Amino acid sequence: MSEHDNMLEMSLKSGKVTIRLRPDLAPLAVARLKELSGKGFYDGVKFHRVIEGFMAQGGDPTGTGSGGSDLPDLKAEFTQAAKFERGTIGMARTMNPDSANSQFFIMFEPAPSLDGQYTIVGEVTSGMEHVDQIKRGGGASGMVTDPDIIVSMRPVSSST
């Protein structure tokens, strides 16, 4: 396996974002993101919840924050070995730790309160300036009116 086997490329309206997945931390969640992105699941999906100074959440095909894929929810893969820093990608979930499915979030700033409470699936390695341009939501919930979308998200092929 090459290092490209654990990379995703996400296209946003302002440019490309490269994501390095972390199967060493979250093999189940990494497999899920690779499977769904390989099928084009994330294409056109909204960043429905975006909070300034915190994170941008997307990956729900309904755009409401309560949807997911038709695949079963994932078992939690929490770790203390990695921290939620700027550019860290975590799996969104409900209050049930074993409820992550297709939704993920990208950190704008460090959030130590999330460490060990959410599955870390990877990190942005380039293009964070494009993540920074995702339209923010309002209020405490961060729900976005007329949100930005993921134009496309695909695994990076090892031949590139």
N, C-alpha and C. Protein backbone atom coordinates (compact mmCIF):
# COMPACT_ATOMS: atom_id res chain seq x y z
N MET A 1 0.84 -1.19 0.00
CA MET A 1 0.00 0.00 0.00
C MET A 1 0.88 1.24 0.00
N SER A 2 0.50 2.20 -0.83
CA SER A 2 1.26 3.44 -0.83
C SER A 2 0.57 4.45 0.09
N GLU A 3 1.26 5.54 0.36
CA GLU A 3 0.67 6.57 1.21
C GLU A 3 -0.58 7.16 0.57
N HIS A 4 -0.68 7.08 -0.77
CA HIS A 4 -1.85 7.60 -1.47
C HIS A 4 -3.11 6.82 -1.15
N ASP A 5 -2.96 5.57 -0.67
CA ASP A 5 -4.13 4.75 -0.39
C ASP A 5 -4.94 5.28 0.78
N ASN A 6 -4.40 6.20 1.53
CA ASN A 6 -5.13 6.78 2.66
C ASN A 6 -5.26 8.29 2.52
N MET A 7 -5.47 8.74 1.29
CA MET A 7 -5.65 10.16 1.02
C MET A 7 -6.99 10.36 0.31
N LEU A 8 -7.64 11.47 0.66
CA LEU A 8 -8.85 11.89 -0.04
C LEU A 8 -8.61 13.27 -0.61
N GLU A 9 -9.26 13.57 -1.72
CA GLU A 9 -9.23 14.92 -2.26
C GLU A 9 -10.66 15.44 -2.28
N MET A 10 -10.87 16.55 -1.59
CA MET A 10 -12.18 17.17 -1.53
C MET A 10 -12.12 18.48 -2.31
N SER A 11 -13.07 18.66 -3.23
CA SER A 11 -13.15 19.91 -3.98
C SER A 11 -14.23 20.79 -3.37
N LEU A 12 -13.84 22.00 -3.03
CA LEU A 12 -14.77 23.02 -2.55
C LEU A 12 -14.85 24.11 -3.61
N LYS A 13 -15.78 25.04 -3.46
CA LYS A 13 -15.95 26.06 -4.51
C LYS A 13 -14.68 26.89 -4.70
N SER A 14 -13.88 27.04 -3.65
CA SER A 14 -12.68 27.88 -3.76
C SER A 14 -11.41 27.09 -4.07
N GLY A 15 -11.48 25.75 -4.06
CA GLY A 15 -10.29 24.97 -4.41
C GLY A 15 -10.27 23.59 -3.78
N LYS A 16 -9.14 22.92 -3.96
CA LYS A 16 -8.99 21.53 -3.52
C LYS A 16 -8.40 21.43 -2.11
N VAL A 17 -8.88 20.42 -1.37
CA VAL A 17 -8.41 20.14 -0.02
C VAL A 17 -7.92 18.69 -0.01
N THR A 18 -6.70 18.49 0.46
CA THR A 18 -6.16 17.13 0.56
C THR A 18 -6.24 16.68 2.02
N ILE A 19 -6.74 15.47 2.20
CA ILE A 19 -6.96 14.91 3.52
C ILE A 19 -6.15 13.62 3.66
N ARG A 20 -5.38 13.53 4.73
CA ARG A 20 -4.67 12.28 5.04
C ARG A 20 -5.51 11.55 6.08
N LEU A 21 -5.93 10.35 5.72
CA LEU A 21 -6.71 9.53 6.64
C LEU A 21 -5.78 8.81 7.61
N ARG A 22 -6.32 8.44 8.77
CA ARG A 22 -5.52 7.83 9.83
C ARG A 22 -6.06 6.45 10.21
N PRO A 23 -5.80 5.43 9.37
CA PRO A 23 -6.27 4.09 9.73
C PRO A 23 -5.62 3.55 11.00
N ASP A 24 -4.49 4.13 11.40
CA ASP A 24 -3.85 3.72 12.65
C ASP A 24 -4.70 4.13 13.86
N LEU A 25 -5.51 5.17 13.71
CA LEU A 25 -6.38 5.65 14.79
C LEU A 25 -7.80 5.11 14.67
N ALA A 26 -8.30 5.03 13.43
CA ALA A 26 -9.73 4.73 13.23
C ALA A 26 -9.95 3.91 11.96
N PRO A 27 -9.55 2.64 11.98
CA PRO A 27 -9.68 1.84 10.75
C PRO A 27 -11.12 1.72 10.23
N LEU A 28 -12.09 1.65 11.11
CA LEU A 28 -13.49 1.52 10.65
C LEU A 28 -13.97 2.81 9.98
N ALA A 29 -13.70 3.94 10.61
CA ALA A 29 -14.13 5.23 10.05
C ALA A 29 -13.39 5.54 8.76
N VAL A 30 -12.10 5.22 8.69
CA VAL A 30 -11.33 5.44 7.46
C VAL A 30 -11.93 4.61 6.32
N ALA A 31 -12.22 3.35 6.60
CA ALA A 31 -12.81 2.48 5.57
C ALA A 31 -14.15 3.06 5.09
N ARG A 32 -14.94 3.60 6.03
CA ARG A 32 -16.25 4.18 5.67
C ARG A 32 -16.08 5.39 4.76
N LEU A 33 -15.19 6.33 5.12
CA LEU A 33 -15.00 7.52 4.29
C LEU A 33 -14.48 7.15 2.90
N LYS A 34 -13.58 6.19 2.84
CA LYS A 34 -13.05 5.76 1.54
C LYS A 34 -14.16 5.12 0.70
N GLU A 35 -14.96 4.26 1.33
CA GLU A 35 -16.05 3.60 0.60
C GLU A 35 -17.07 4.61 0.08
N LEU A 36 -17.53 5.49 0.96
CA LEU A 36 -18.55 6.46 0.54
C LEU A 36 -18.02 7.45 -0.48
N SER A 37 -16.80 7.95 -0.28
CA SER A 37 -16.27 8.92 -1.25
C SER A 37 -15.99 8.25 -2.59
N GLY A 38 -15.61 6.97 -2.56
CA GLY A 38 -15.40 6.23 -3.80
C GLY A 38 -16.66 6.07 -4.62
N LYS A 39 -17.82 6.08 -3.95
CA LYS A 39 -19.12 5.96 -4.63
C LYS A 39 -19.70 7.32 -5.02
N GLY A 40 -19.02 8.42 -4.67
CA GLY A 40 -19.55 9.75 -4.96
C GLY A 40 -20.61 10.21 -3.99
N PHE A 41 -20.71 9.54 -2.84
CA PHE A 41 -21.74 9.84 -1.84
C PHE A 41 -21.73 11.31 -1.40
N TYR A 42 -20.53 11.89 -1.25
CA TYR A 42 -20.41 13.24 -0.70
C TYR A 42 -20.59 14.35 -1.74
N ASP A 43 -20.64 14.00 -3.02
CA ASP A 43 -20.74 15.03 -4.07
C ASP A 43 -22.05 15.82 -3.92
N GLY A 44 -21.93 17.12 -3.76
CA GLY A 44 -23.10 17.98 -3.62
C GLY A 44 -23.68 18.06 -2.23
N VAL A 45 -23.05 17.39 -1.25
CA VAL A 45 -23.56 17.39 0.12
C VAL A 45 -23.14 18.69 0.82
N LYS A 46 -24.05 19.23 1.64
CA LYS A 46 -23.86 20.53 2.28
C LYS A 46 -22.99 20.46 3.54
N PHE A 47 -22.32 21.58 3.82
CA PHE A 47 -21.74 21.83 5.14
C PHE A 47 -22.84 22.52 5.93
N HIS A 48 -23.70 21.72 6.56
CA HIS A 48 -24.94 22.23 7.16
C HIS A 48 -24.74 22.95 8.49
N ARG A 49 -23.64 22.65 9.18
CA ARG A 49 -23.40 23.24 10.51
C ARG A 49 -21.96 23.73 10.55
N VAL A 50 -21.79 25.05 10.64
CA VAL A 50 -20.46 25.64 10.59
C VAL A 50 -20.39 26.74 11.66
N ILE A 51 -19.48 26.56 12.61
CA ILE A 51 -19.36 27.48 13.74
C ILE A 51 -17.99 28.15 13.71
N GLU A 52 -17.99 29.47 13.59
CA GLU A 52 -16.76 30.26 13.56
C GLU A 52 -15.90 29.92 14.77
N GLY A 53 -14.60 29.71 14.55
CA GLY A 53 -13.68 29.42 15.63
C GLY A 53 -13.78 28.00 16.17
N PHE A 54 -14.62 27.17 15.55
CA PHE A 54 -14.80 25.80 16.03
C PHE A 54 -14.63 24.80 14.89
N MET A 55 -15.69 24.59 14.08
CA MET A 55 -15.59 23.57 13.06
C MET A 55 -16.65 23.73 11.98
N ALA A 56 -16.44 22.99 10.86
CA ALA A 56 -17.41 22.87 9.76
C ALA A 56 -17.84 21.42 9.67
N GLN A 57 -19.15 21.17 9.73
CA GLN A 57 -19.67 19.80 9.69
C GLN A 57 -20.46 19.58 8.42
N GLY A 58 -20.20 18.43 7.80
CA GLY A 58 -20.92 18.04 6.58
C GLY A 58 -21.04 16.53 6.53
N GLY A 59 -21.47 16.04 5.38
CA GLY A 59 -21.57 14.59 5.20
C GLY A 59 -22.95 14.02 5.38
N ASP A 60 -23.96 14.88 5.60
CA ASP A 60 -25.34 14.42 5.73
C ASP A 60 -26.07 14.70 4.42
N PRO A 61 -26.48 13.65 3.69
CA PRO A 61 -27.14 13.88 2.40
C PRO A 61 -28.47 14.64 2.52
N THR A 62 -29.08 14.65 3.71
CA THR A 62 -30.34 15.38 3.88
C THR A 62 -30.09 16.86 4.18
N GLY A 63 -28.85 17.21 4.57
CA GLY A 63 -28.52 18.59 4.89
C GLY A 63 -29.11 19.08 6.20
N THR A 64 -29.65 18.17 7.02
CA THR A 64 -30.32 18.57 8.26
C THR A 64 -29.48 18.31 9.50
N GLY A 65 -28.48 17.43 9.39
CA GLY A 65 -27.70 17.05 10.55
C GLY A 65 -28.19 15.77 11.19
N SER A 66 -29.29 15.21 10.67
CA SER A 66 -29.82 13.98 11.27
C SER A 66 -29.77 12.80 10.31
N GLY A 67 -29.18 12.98 9.14
CA GLY A 67 -29.11 11.90 8.15
C GLY A 67 -27.75 11.25 8.08
N GLY A 68 -27.68 10.17 7.31
CA GLY A 68 -26.43 9.46 7.12
C GLY A 68 -26.53 8.58 5.89
N SER A 69 -25.62 7.64 5.78
CA SER A 69 -25.66 6.70 4.66
C SER A 69 -26.60 5.56 5.03
N ASP A 70 -26.79 4.63 4.09
CA ASP A 70 -27.62 3.46 4.38
C ASP A 70 -26.81 2.34 5.02
N LEU A 71 -25.54 2.61 5.32
CA LEU A 71 -24.67 1.64 5.98
C LEU A 71 -24.88 1.72 7.49
N PRO A 72 -24.55 0.64 8.22
CA PRO A 72 -24.75 0.67 9.68
C PRO A 72 -23.83 1.68 10.36
N ASP A 73 -24.27 2.18 11.51
CA ASP A 73 -23.44 3.09 12.30
C ASP A 73 -22.16 2.39 12.74
N LEU A 74 -21.15 3.20 13.04
CA LEU A 74 -19.83 2.68 13.39
C LEU A 74 -19.61 2.66 14.90
N LYS A 75 -18.83 1.70 15.34
CA LYS A 75 -18.39 1.64 16.73
C LYS A 75 -17.39 2.79 16.95
N ALA A 76 -17.45 3.41 18.12
CA ALA A 76 -16.55 4.51 18.46
C ALA A 76 -15.10 4.05 18.41
N GLU A 77 -14.23 4.91 17.91
CA GLU A 77 -12.78 4.64 17.87
C GLU A 77 -12.07 5.83 18.51
N PHE A 78 -12.37 6.09 19.76
CA PHE A 78 -11.79 7.22 20.47
C PHE A 78 -10.34 6.93 20.83
N THR A 79 -9.54 7.99 20.86
CA THR A 79 -8.13 7.84 21.22
C THR A 79 -7.67 9.07 21.98
N GLN A 80 -6.70 8.86 22.85
CA GLN A 80 -6.01 9.98 23.48
C GLN A 80 -4.69 10.25 22.77
N ALA A 81 -4.36 9.38 21.80
CA ALA A 81 -3.07 9.48 21.11
C ALA A 81 -3.01 10.65 20.13
N ALA A 82 -4.15 11.17 19.72
CA ALA A 82 -4.19 12.31 18.81
C ALA A 82 -5.17 13.32 19.38
N LYS A 83 -4.94 14.57 19.04
CA LYS A 83 -5.74 15.66 19.60
C LYS A 83 -6.49 16.39 18.50
N PHE A 84 -7.58 17.04 18.88
CA PHE A 84 -8.34 17.85 17.94
C PHE A 84 -7.66 19.21 17.81
N GLU A 85 -6.91 19.36 16.72
CA GLU A 85 -6.17 20.58 16.40
C GLU A 85 -6.77 21.20 15.14
N ARG A 86 -6.30 22.36 14.75
CA ARG A 86 -6.72 22.97 13.49
C ARG A 86 -6.47 21.97 12.35
N GLY A 87 -7.49 21.71 11.53
CA GLY A 87 -7.36 20.80 10.40
C GLY A 87 -7.68 19.35 10.71
N THR A 88 -7.87 19.01 11.98
CA THR A 88 -8.24 17.63 12.35
C THR A 88 -9.65 17.35 11.83
N ILE A 89 -9.85 16.11 11.37
CA ILE A 89 -11.17 15.69 10.90
C ILE A 89 -11.69 14.63 11.86
N GLY A 90 -12.88 14.88 12.38
CA GLY A 90 -13.52 13.95 13.30
C GLY A 90 -14.83 13.45 12.73
N MET A 91 -15.29 12.33 13.26
CA MET A 91 -16.58 11.77 12.86
C MET A 91 -17.66 12.34 13.78
N ALA A 92 -18.70 12.92 13.18
CA ALA A 92 -19.82 13.44 13.95
C ALA A 92 -20.67 12.27 14.44
N ARG A 93 -21.34 12.48 15.56
CA ARG A 93 -22.18 11.43 16.14
C ARG A 93 -23.27 12.08 16.99
N THR A 94 -24.22 11.26 17.43
CA THR A 94 -25.24 11.73 18.38
C THR A 94 -24.66 11.56 19.79
N MET A 95 -25.50 11.62 20.79
CA MET A 95 -25.04 11.38 22.17
C MET A 95 -24.55 9.95 22.34
N ASN A 96 -25.02 9.04 21.49
CA ASN A 96 -24.56 7.64 21.51
C ASN A 96 -23.17 7.59 20.88
N PRO A 97 -22.15 7.15 21.63
CA PRO A 97 -20.79 7.12 21.08
C PRO A 97 -20.66 6.24 19.83
N ASP A 98 -21.52 5.23 19.69
CA ASP A 98 -21.43 4.31 18.55
C ASP A 98 -22.42 4.67 17.45
N SER A 99 -22.55 5.97 17.15
CA SER A 99 -23.55 6.41 16.17
C SER A 99 -22.95 7.14 14.97
N ALA A 100 -21.63 7.19 14.85
CA ALA A 100 -21.03 7.84 13.67
C ALA A 100 -21.41 7.05 12.43
N ASN A 101 -21.64 7.77 11.32
CA ASN A 101 -22.02 7.09 10.08
C ASN A 101 -21.31 7.73 8.90
N SER A 102 -21.85 8.82 8.36
CA SER A 102 -21.23 9.47 7.20
C SER A 102 -20.80 10.90 7.49
N GLN A 103 -21.31 11.48 8.56
CA GLN A 103 -21.02 12.89 8.85
C GLN A 103 -19.64 13.05 9.50
N PHE A 104 -18.97 14.11 9.10
CA PHE A 104 -17.65 14.42 9.65
C PHE A 104 -17.54 15.92 9.86
N PHE A 105 -16.53 16.32 10.60
CA PHE A 105 -16.29 17.75 10.81
C PHE A 105 -14.80 18.04 10.70
N ILE A 106 -14.51 19.28 10.28
CA ILE A 106 -13.13 19.75 10.13
C ILE A 106 -12.94 20.91 11.09
N MET A 107 -11.92 20.82 11.93
CA MET A 107 -11.67 21.83 12.95
C MET A 107 -11.05 23.10 12.36
N PHE A 108 -11.60 24.26 12.75
CA PHE A 108 -10.98 25.55 12.43
C PHE A 108 -9.91 25.87 13.46
N GLU A 109 -10.12 25.46 14.69
CA GLU A 109 -9.23 25.76 15.82
C GLU A 109 -9.14 24.53 16.72
N PRO A 110 -8.11 24.44 17.57
CA PRO A 110 -8.03 23.33 18.51
C PRO A 110 -9.24 23.30 19.44
N ALA A 111 -9.66 22.09 19.83
CA ALA A 111 -10.79 21.92 20.76
C ALA A 111 -10.48 20.76 21.70
N PRO A 112 -9.68 21.03 22.75
CA PRO A 112 -9.30 19.96 23.68
C PRO A 112 -10.50 19.25 24.32
N SER A 113 -11.65 19.93 24.40
CA SER A 113 -12.83 19.30 25.00
C SER A 113 -13.32 18.10 24.18
N LEU A 114 -12.92 18.01 22.92
CA LEU A 114 -13.34 16.88 22.07
C LEU A 114 -12.38 15.69 22.17
N ASP A 115 -11.17 15.93 22.68
CA ASP A 115 -10.16 14.86 22.73
C ASP A 115 -10.70 13.66 23.50
N GLY A 116 -10.59 12.49 22.89
CA GLY A 116 -11.03 11.26 23.54
C GLY A 116 -12.54 11.08 23.57
N GLN A 117 -13.29 12.02 22.98
CA GLN A 117 -14.76 11.96 22.98
C GLN A 117 -15.34 11.70 21.59
N TYR A 118 -14.53 11.93 20.56
CA TYR A 118 -14.96 11.74 19.18
C TYR A 118 -13.85 11.02 18.43
N THR A 119 -14.22 10.30 17.38
CA THR A 119 -13.26 9.56 16.56
C THR A 119 -12.52 10.53 15.64
N ILE A 120 -11.19 10.51 15.70
CA ILE A 120 -10.36 11.27 14.76
C ILE A 120 -10.07 10.37 13.57
N VAL A 121 -10.44 10.85 12.39
CA VAL A 121 -10.31 10.02 11.18
C VAL A 121 -9.20 10.51 10.25
N GLY A 122 -8.72 11.74 10.45
CA GLY A 122 -7.67 12.24 9.58
C GLY A 122 -7.38 13.70 9.82
N GLU A 123 -6.63 14.30 8.87
CA GLU A 123 -6.33 15.71 8.96
C GLU A 123 -6.11 16.29 7.57
N VAL A 124 -6.39 17.58 7.46
CA VAL A 124 -6.15 18.31 6.22
C VAL A 124 -4.64 18.51 6.10
N THR A 125 -4.07 18.11 4.95
CA THR A 125 -2.64 18.30 4.73
C THR A 125 -2.36 19.47 3.78
N SER A 126 -3.34 19.85 2.96
CA SER A 126 -3.22 21.06 2.14
C SER A 126 -4.61 21.54 1.79
N GLY A 127 -4.71 22.85 1.58
CA GLY A 127 -6.00 23.44 1.20
C GLY A 127 -6.82 23.93 2.37
N MET A 128 -6.23 24.04 3.56
CA MET A 128 -7.00 24.51 4.72
C MET A 128 -7.54 25.92 4.48
N GLU A 129 -6.87 26.69 3.62
CA GLU A 129 -7.38 28.04 3.31
C GLU A 129 -8.75 27.96 2.63
N HIS A 130 -9.04 26.85 1.95
CA HIS A 130 -10.35 26.68 1.32
C HIS A 130 -11.40 26.29 2.36
N VAL A 131 -11.00 25.47 3.33
CA VAL A 131 -11.90 25.12 4.44
C VAL A 131 -12.28 26.40 5.20
N ASP A 132 -11.29 27.29 5.39
CA ASP A 132 -11.54 28.54 6.11
C ASP A 132 -12.59 29.41 5.42
N GLN A 133 -12.83 29.20 4.13
CA GLN A 133 -13.79 30.02 3.38
C GLN A 133 -15.20 29.44 3.38
N ILE A 134 -15.42 28.28 4.01
CA ILE A 134 -16.76 27.69 4.06
C ILE A 134 -17.70 28.65 4.81
N LYS A 135 -18.89 28.84 4.24
CA LYS A 135 -19.87 29.77 4.82
C LYS A 135 -20.27 29.36 6.23
N ARG A 136 -20.23 30.34 7.15
CA ARG A 136 -20.56 30.10 8.55
C ARG A 136 -22.06 30.15 8.78
N GLY A 137 -22.47 29.44 9.83
CA GLY A 137 -23.87 29.47 10.25
C GLY A 137 -24.09 30.48 11.35
N GLY A 138 -25.34 30.58 11.80
CA GLY A 138 -25.68 31.54 12.85
C GLY A 138 -26.18 30.84 14.09
N GLY A 139 -26.28 31.60 15.17
CA GLY A 139 -26.80 31.08 16.42
C GLY A 139 -25.90 30.04 17.04
N ALA A 140 -26.33 29.51 18.18
CA ALA A 140 -25.53 28.54 18.92
C ALA A 140 -25.37 27.23 18.15
N SER A 141 -26.35 26.89 17.33
CA SER A 141 -26.31 25.61 16.61
C SER A 141 -25.38 25.65 15.40
N GLY A 142 -25.15 26.85 14.86
CA GLY A 142 -24.29 26.97 13.69
C GLY A 142 -24.95 26.50 12.40
N MET A 143 -26.28 26.31 12.40
CA MET A 143 -26.95 25.87 11.18
C MET A 143 -26.82 26.97 10.11
N VAL A 144 -26.50 26.53 8.88
CA VAL A 144 -26.19 27.46 7.80
C VAL A 144 -27.38 27.61 6.86
N THR A 145 -27.72 28.86 6.56
CA THR A 145 -28.72 29.15 5.53
C THR A 145 -27.99 29.19 4.20
N ASP A 146 -28.52 28.50 3.19
CA ASP A 146 -27.90 28.42 1.87
C ASP A 146 -26.42 28.02 1.98
N PRO A 147 -26.17 26.81 2.55
CA PRO A 147 -24.79 26.41 2.85
C PRO A 147 -23.94 26.08 1.63
N ASP A 148 -22.63 26.14 1.85
CA ASP A 148 -21.68 25.68 0.85
C ASP A 148 -21.73 24.15 0.78
N ILE A 149 -21.28 23.63 -0.35
CA ILE A 149 -21.32 22.18 -0.55
C ILE A 149 -19.93 21.60 -0.81
N ILE A 150 -19.86 20.29 -0.66
CA ILE A 150 -18.70 19.53 -1.13
C ILE A 150 -18.95 19.31 -2.62
N VAL A 151 -18.14 19.91 -3.47
CA VAL A 151 -18.33 19.73 -4.91
C VAL A 151 -18.11 18.27 -5.25
N SER A 152 -16.99 17.72 -4.76
CA SER A 152 -16.74 16.27 -4.91
C SER A 152 -15.72 15.87 -3.85
N MET A 153 -15.72 14.57 -3.53
CA MET A 153 -14.71 14.02 -2.62
C MET A 153 -14.43 12.61 -3.07
N ARG A 154 -13.16 12.34 -3.35
CA ARG A 154 -12.74 11.04 -3.89
C ARG A 154 -11.45 10.57 -3.23
N PRO A 155 -11.27 9.25 -3.14
CA PRO A 155 -9.96 8.73 -2.73
C PRO A 155 -8.93 9.10 -3.80
N VAL A 156 -7.70 9.38 -3.37
CA VAL A 156 -6.61 9.65 -4.30
C VAL A 156 -6.07 8.31 -4.76
N SER A 157 -5.98 8.12 -6.05
CA SER A 157 -5.51 6.83 -6.55
C SER A 157 -4.00 6.73 -6.40
N SER A 158 -3.51 5.52 -6.19
CA SER A 158 -2.07 5.33 -5.97
C SER A 158 -1.27 5.54 -7.24
N SER A 159 -1.93 5.67 -8.39
CA SER A 159 -1.21 5.89 -9.63
C SER A 159 -0.86 7.36 -9.86
N THR A 160 -1.35 8.26 -8.97
CA THR A 160 -1.07 9.68 -9.18
C THR A 160 0.19 10.11 -8.47
